[in-house]
Each structure stands twice: as C-alpha cells, then as structure tokens.
Amino acid sequence: MDMLLMDLCFAVIGVVFVAFAFGAAMRSESWNSPAQPELPLVKAIAPARFFSNRQATTPVVPPVQVPIEVLLLQIENHVRLEQAAAESFLAFPSQALLHSKTTSPFVN
C-alpha cells in the first residue's frame, strides 16, 4: 500500500511538472519583457536578378484533357485485375499471394 501511495504521489508531481513546463512553453510573452509594439506591414519587393531586372516567366502549359471513356476503361481494368487477384487468393490462400504486388498500373 505504501508503494502504491508513493507511486501515486510521484505521478501527481510528474503531471504537475509537465503542466507547468507546457504552460511555460506555450506562453507567448516572457515575464520581464514589455509588450512589443506593432510594426507596420511592408510589402515584399522581389529581389533583383544578378544580370537582369526582368522577372523570369514560365510558359503556361494547358492541362491535357483525357476522354472520360479512357478513364473508365482504366478503372474497369483495375477492378478486373483486383477481383482476379482476390479470387486467386480465395482459391489458394497463401502468405505469398497475400503480400504480392498487384499487376495493375494503379497503386492502391
């Protein structure tokens, strides 16, 4: 019983210590420092280039539009491959089949 009470006291002291440390770490101001005056916001100016002051422009590439039929065929193929893998595992369950990589191009 004495050991239980001693362990309980140490646990309470530890929790109090951790709470004080957490409170000190989360405090935004220190005890002695006066309040910081707010500084006006200044717009950031882009740094000048070494040889030129022109901004480098990157060409905008339009996104490639893939027909919905192509995406549906890929998804159907993926589903067929996953169903075949599940059926082969159910037919002959083994650890090698369970951890084998899929043949589908999609990563699941």
Protein backbone atom coordinates (compact mmCIF):
# COMPACT_ATOMS: atom_id res chain seq x y z
CA MET A 1 0.00 0.00 0.00
CA ASP A 2 2.88 2.33 0.80
CA MET A 3 4.44 1.76 -2.62
CA LEU A 4 1.11 2.47 -4.31
CA LEU A 5 0.76 5.78 -2.47
CA MET A 6 4.36 6.70 -3.24
CA ASP A 7 3.86 5.91 -6.95
CA LEU A 8 0.64 7.93 -6.95
CA CYS A 9 2.43 10.93 -5.40
CA PHE A 10 5.23 10.72 -7.97
CA ALA A 11 2.68 10.52 -10.77
CA VAL A 12 0.83 13.60 -9.48
CA ILE A 13 4.10 15.52 -9.10
CA GLY A 14 5.10 14.49 -12.63
CA VAL A 15 1.80 15.63 -14.09
CA VAL A 16 2.07 18.99 -12.29
CA PHE A 17 5.65 19.44 -13.53
CA VAL A 18 4.66 18.62 -17.11
CA ALA A 19 1.69 21.00 -16.91
CA PHE A 20 3.95 23.85 -15.72
CA ALA A 21 6.50 23.09 -18.46
CA PHE A 22 3.77 23.01 -21.10
CA GLY A 23 2.30 26.27 -19.84
CA ALA A 24 5.72 27.95 -19.92
CA ALA A 25 6.40 26.69 -23.44
CA MET A 26 3.03 27.87 -24.76
CA ARG A 27 3.22 31.34 -23.21
CA SER A 28 3.64 33.96 -25.94
CA GLU A 29 5.39 36.61 -23.81
CA SER A 30 8.17 36.29 -21.30
CA TRP A 31 7.75 37.55 -17.71
CA ASN A 32 10.13 40.53 -17.92
CA SER A 33 9.74 41.81 -21.46
CA PRO A 34 7.45 44.76 -22.16
CA ALA A 35 4.76 44.42 -24.79
CA GLN A 36 6.16 44.50 -28.30
CA PRO A 37 4.98 47.48 -30.38
CA GLU A 38 3.22 46.52 -33.58
CA LEU A 39 5.23 47.25 -36.69
CA PRO A 40 3.56 48.42 -39.90
CA LEU A 41 3.42 45.81 -42.64
CA VAL A 42 5.73 46.43 -45.59
CA LYS A 43 5.13 44.89 -48.99
CA ALA A 44 7.82 42.46 -50.05
CA ILE A 45 9.81 43.51 -53.08
CA ALA A 46 11.05 40.80 -55.41
CA PRO A 47 14.85 40.53 -55.34
CA ALA A 48 16.65 41.86 -58.38
CA ARG A 49 18.27 39.35 -60.70
CA PHE A 50 22.06 39.34 -60.97
CA PHE A 51 22.25 40.09 -64.70
CA SER A 52 18.75 41.38 -65.38
CA ASN A 53 15.89 43.05 -63.55
CA ARG A 54 13.30 41.29 -65.70
CA GLN A 55 11.14 38.71 -63.99
CA ALA A 56 11.52 35.21 -65.36
CA THR A 57 8.28 33.95 -66.86
CA THR A 58 7.44 30.30 -67.07
CA PRO A 59 5.36 29.12 -70.00
CA VAL A 60 1.86 28.07 -69.03
CA VAL A 61 1.08 24.59 -70.30
CA PRO A 62 -2.65 23.85 -70.59
CA PRO A 63 -3.70 20.64 -68.84
CA VAL A 64 -4.17 17.64 -71.08
CA GLN A 65 -7.81 16.62 -71.36
CA VAL A 66 -8.26 12.84 -71.28
CA PRO A 67 -11.59 11.49 -72.54
CA ILE A 68 -13.82 10.03 -69.83
CA GLU A 69 -14.09 6.74 -71.74
CA VAL A 70 -10.35 6.17 -71.41
CA LEU A 71 -10.50 6.76 -67.67
CA LEU A 72 -13.48 4.43 -67.28
CA LEU A 73 -11.68 1.68 -69.23
CA GLN A 74 -8.62 2.04 -67.00
CA ILE A 75 -10.75 1.84 -63.85
CA GLU A 76 -12.63 -1.22 -65.16
CA ASN A 77 -9.32 -2.92 -66.00
CA HIS A 78 -8.03 -2.16 -62.50
CA VAL A 79 -11.19 -3.58 -60.90
CA ARG A 80 -10.94 -6.75 -63.03
CA LEU A 81 -7.30 -7.28 -62.03
CA GLU A 82 -8.09 -6.76 -58.34
CA GLN A 83 -11.05 -9.15 -58.49
CA ALA A 84 -8.90 -11.78 -60.20
CA ALA A 85 -6.23 -11.39 -57.52
CA ALA A 86 -8.85 -11.75 -54.78
CA GLU A 87 -10.35 -14.85 -56.42
CA SER A 88 -6.94 -16.49 -56.80
CA PHE A 89 -6.20 -15.77 -53.14
CA LEU A 90 -9.54 -17.24 -52.06
CA ALA A 91 -8.92 -20.33 -54.19
CA PHE A 92 -5.39 -20.95 -52.83
CA PRO A 93 -4.71 -18.74 -49.79
CA SER A 94 -1.04 -18.27 -49.04
CA GLN A 95 1.14 -15.63 -47.48
CA ALA A 96 2.98 -15.07 -50.76
CA LEU A 97 -0.27 -14.25 -52.58
CA LEU A 98 -1.38 -12.02 -49.74
CA HIS A 99 1.75 -9.86 -49.90
CA SER A 100 2.34 -9.95 -53.67
CA LYS A 101 2.34 -6.76 -55.69
CA THR A 102 -0.55 -6.04 -57.96
CA THR A 103 -0.22 -6.10 -61.74
CA SER A 104 -2.47 -3.07 -62.04
CA PRO A 105 -0.81 0.23 -63.02
CA PHE A 106 -2.79 1.94 -60.23
CA VAL A 107 -1.26 1.78 -56.79
CA ASN A 108 -3.71 1.04 -54.01
